[in-house]
Structures are given as C-alpha cells and as structure tokens.
C-alpha atoms as a PDB file:
ATOM      1  CA  MET A   1       8.781  15.312  -7.011  1.00  0.00           C
ATOM      2  CA  ALA A   2      11.839  13.149  -7.486  1.00  0.00           C
ATOM      3  CA  ALA A   3      12.141   9.446  -6.802  1.00  0.00           C
ATOM      4  CA  SER A   4      14.502   8.368  -4.070  1.00  0.00           C
ATOM      5  CA  ASP A   5      17.008   5.510  -3.942  1.00  0.00           C
ATOM      6  CA  ARG A   6      16.520   5.379  -0.182  1.00  0.00           C
ATOM      7  CA  PRO A   7      13.146   4.292   1.236  1.00  0.00           C
ATOM      8  CA  ALA A   8      11.095   7.106   2.765  1.00  0.00           C
ATOM      9  CA  THR A   9      10.141   4.940   5.746  1.00  0.00           C
ATOM     10  CA  ASP A  10      11.902   2.460   7.998  1.00  0.00           C
ATOM     11  CA  LEU A  11       8.965   0.055   7.821  1.00  0.00           C
ATOM     12  CA  GLU A  12       9.434  -3.605   6.999  1.00  0.00           C
ATOM     13  CA  PRO A  13       8.725  -4.270   3.288  1.00  0.00           C
ATOM     14  CA  TRP A  14       5.547  -6.278   4.031  1.00  0.00           C
ATOM     15  CA  ALA A  15       4.146  -3.422   6.177  1.00  0.00           C
ATOM     16  CA  ARG A  16       5.201  -0.777   3.654  1.00  0.00           C
ATOM     17  CA  ALA A  17       3.330  -2.652   0.894  1.00  0.00           C
ATOM     18  CA  LEU A  18       0.079  -2.312   2.866  1.00  0.00           C
ATOM     19  CA  LEU A  19       0.122   1.514   2.926  1.00  0.00           C
ATOM     20  CA  ARG A  20      -2.427   3.223   0.692  1.00  0.00           C
ATOM     21  CA  CYS A  21      -3.567   6.796   0.147  1.00  0.00           C
ATOM     22  CA  PRO A  22      -6.358   7.433   2.671  1.00  0.00           C
ATOM     23  CA  VAL A  23      -8.175   9.650   0.162  1.00  0.00           C
ATOM     24  CA  THR A  24      -8.055   7.587  -3.044  1.00  0.00           C
ATOM     25  CA  GLY A  25      -6.857   4.145  -1.960  1.00  0.00           C
ATOM     26  CA  ALA A  26      -3.999   4.312  -4.487  1.00  0.00           C
ATOM     27  CA  GLU A  27      -0.574   2.797  -3.890  1.00  0.00           C
ATOM     28  CA  LEU A  28       2.013   5.080  -2.290  1.00  0.00           C
ATOM     29  CA  VAL A  29       5.558   5.286  -3.638  1.00  0.00           C
ATOM     30  CA  ASP A  30       8.677   6.834  -2.137  1.00  0.00           C
ATOM     31  CA  GLY A  31       9.615  10.347  -3.192  1.00  0.00           C
ATOM     32  CA  VAL A  32      11.558  13.407  -2.149  1.00  0.00           C
ATOM     33  CA  SER A  33      10.031  16.855  -1.691  1.00  0.00           C
ATOM     34  CA  ASP A  34      11.541  20.029  -3.118  1.00  0.00           C
ATOM     35  CA  ASP A  35      13.325  20.649   0.193  1.00  0.00           C
ATOM     36  CA  GLY A  36      14.888  17.166   0.157  1.00  0.00           C
ATOM     37  CA  SER A  37      12.707  15.594   2.832  1.00  0.00           C
ATOM     38  CA  PRO A  38      11.188  12.134   2.242  1.00  0.00           C
ATOM     39  CA  VAL A  39       7.542  11.870   1.224  1.00  0.00           C
ATOM     40  CA  LEU A  40       5.083   9.263   0.035  1.00  0.00           C
ATOM     41  CA  VAL A  41       3.366  10.009  -3.267  1.00  0.00           C
ATOM     42  CA  SER A  42      -0.001   8.619  -4.303  1.00  0.00           C
ATOM     43  CA  THR A  43      -0.036   6.935  -7.717  1.00  0.00           C
ATOM     44  CA  ASP A  44      -3.640   7.982  -8.403  1.00  0.00           C
ATOM     45  CA  PRO A  45      -3.545   9.495 -11.930  1.00  0.00           C
ATOM     46  CA  GLU A  46      -6.466  11.846 -11.333  1.00  0.00           C
ATOM     47  CA  ARG A  47      -5.636  13.059  -7.824  1.00  0.00           C
ATOM     48  CA  PRO A  48      -1.981  12.461  -6.920  1.00  0.00           C
ATOM     49  CA  LEU A  49      -1.313  13.536  -3.351  1.00  0.00           C
ATOM     50  CA  VAL A  50       1.895  13.833  -1.344  1.00  0.00           C
ATOM     51  CA  TYR A  51       2.191  12.855   2.320  1.00  0.00           C
ATOM     52  CA  PRO A  52       5.055  13.867   4.611  1.00  0.00           C
ATOM     53  CA  VAL A  53       7.299  11.351   6.353  1.00  0.00           C
ATOM     54  CA  ILE A  54       8.562  12.616   9.706  1.00  0.00           C
ATOM     55  CA  ASP A  55      11.359  10.740  11.465  1.00  0.00           C
ATOM     56  CA  GLY A  56      10.661   7.721   9.228  1.00  0.00           C
ATOM     57  CA  ILE A  57       6.949   7.673  10.085  1.00  0.00           C
ATOM     58  CA  PRO A  58       4.423   8.381   7.319  1.00  0.00           C
ATOM     59  CA  VAL A  59       1.809  10.979   8.239  1.00  0.00           C
ATOM     60  CA  LEU A  60      -1.206   9.696   6.316  1.00  0.00           C
ATOM     61  CA  LEU A  61      -3.682  12.313   7.463  1.00  0.00           C
ATOM     62  CA  VAL A  62      -5.982  13.936   4.925  1.00  0.00           C
ATOM     63  CA  ASP A  63      -5.232  17.373   6.422  1.00  0.00           C
ATOM     64  CA  GLU A  64      -1.479  16.839   5.858  1.00  0.00           C
ATOM     65  CA  ALA A  65      -1.797  15.836   2.189  1.00  0.00           C
ATOM     66  CA  ARG A  66      -0.937  18.257  -0.571  1.00  0.00           C
ATOM     67  CA  PRO A  67      -1.302  17.966  -4.351  1.00  0.00           C
ATOM     68  CA  ALA A  68       1.707  16.501  -6.153  1.00  0.00           C
ATOM     69  CA  SER A  69       3.374  18.980  -8.462  1.00  0.00           C
END
C-alpha cells in the first residue's frame, strides 16, 4: 500500500480529520491500492484495514474493509 501525494477524498480538511476506522477507531490515512485506486488505510498497528474510496467518497463499511498488505 503506497502513500499518495493526492488526497484520496475531496472532503474539506476539517471533515477529513474526523474520519476514523469503524472497526478499530484508528485514524485513517490516504493510500493507493495495488491497482492505483485511492483508499483509506487504518493506522491501527494490530489490525490495519483498507477502505475503498469511490468517486471521492470513502466507503467506511465493515463489509468493504480488507486487511492491509
């Protein structure tokens, strides 16, 4: 999972700072998946999860999360 220079979402910075992993409550940081699409990555050291971002909208559903690799 690579970091991205471009934000994964189009949210205002104050709103983006409020987003947390719905499973662990950890902060989410911008990333890029293996296929080049934007994602949000949980910073939880024990259970890092990756959430897709579709059309600039984070999909923070537990069923859509996958383990970070």
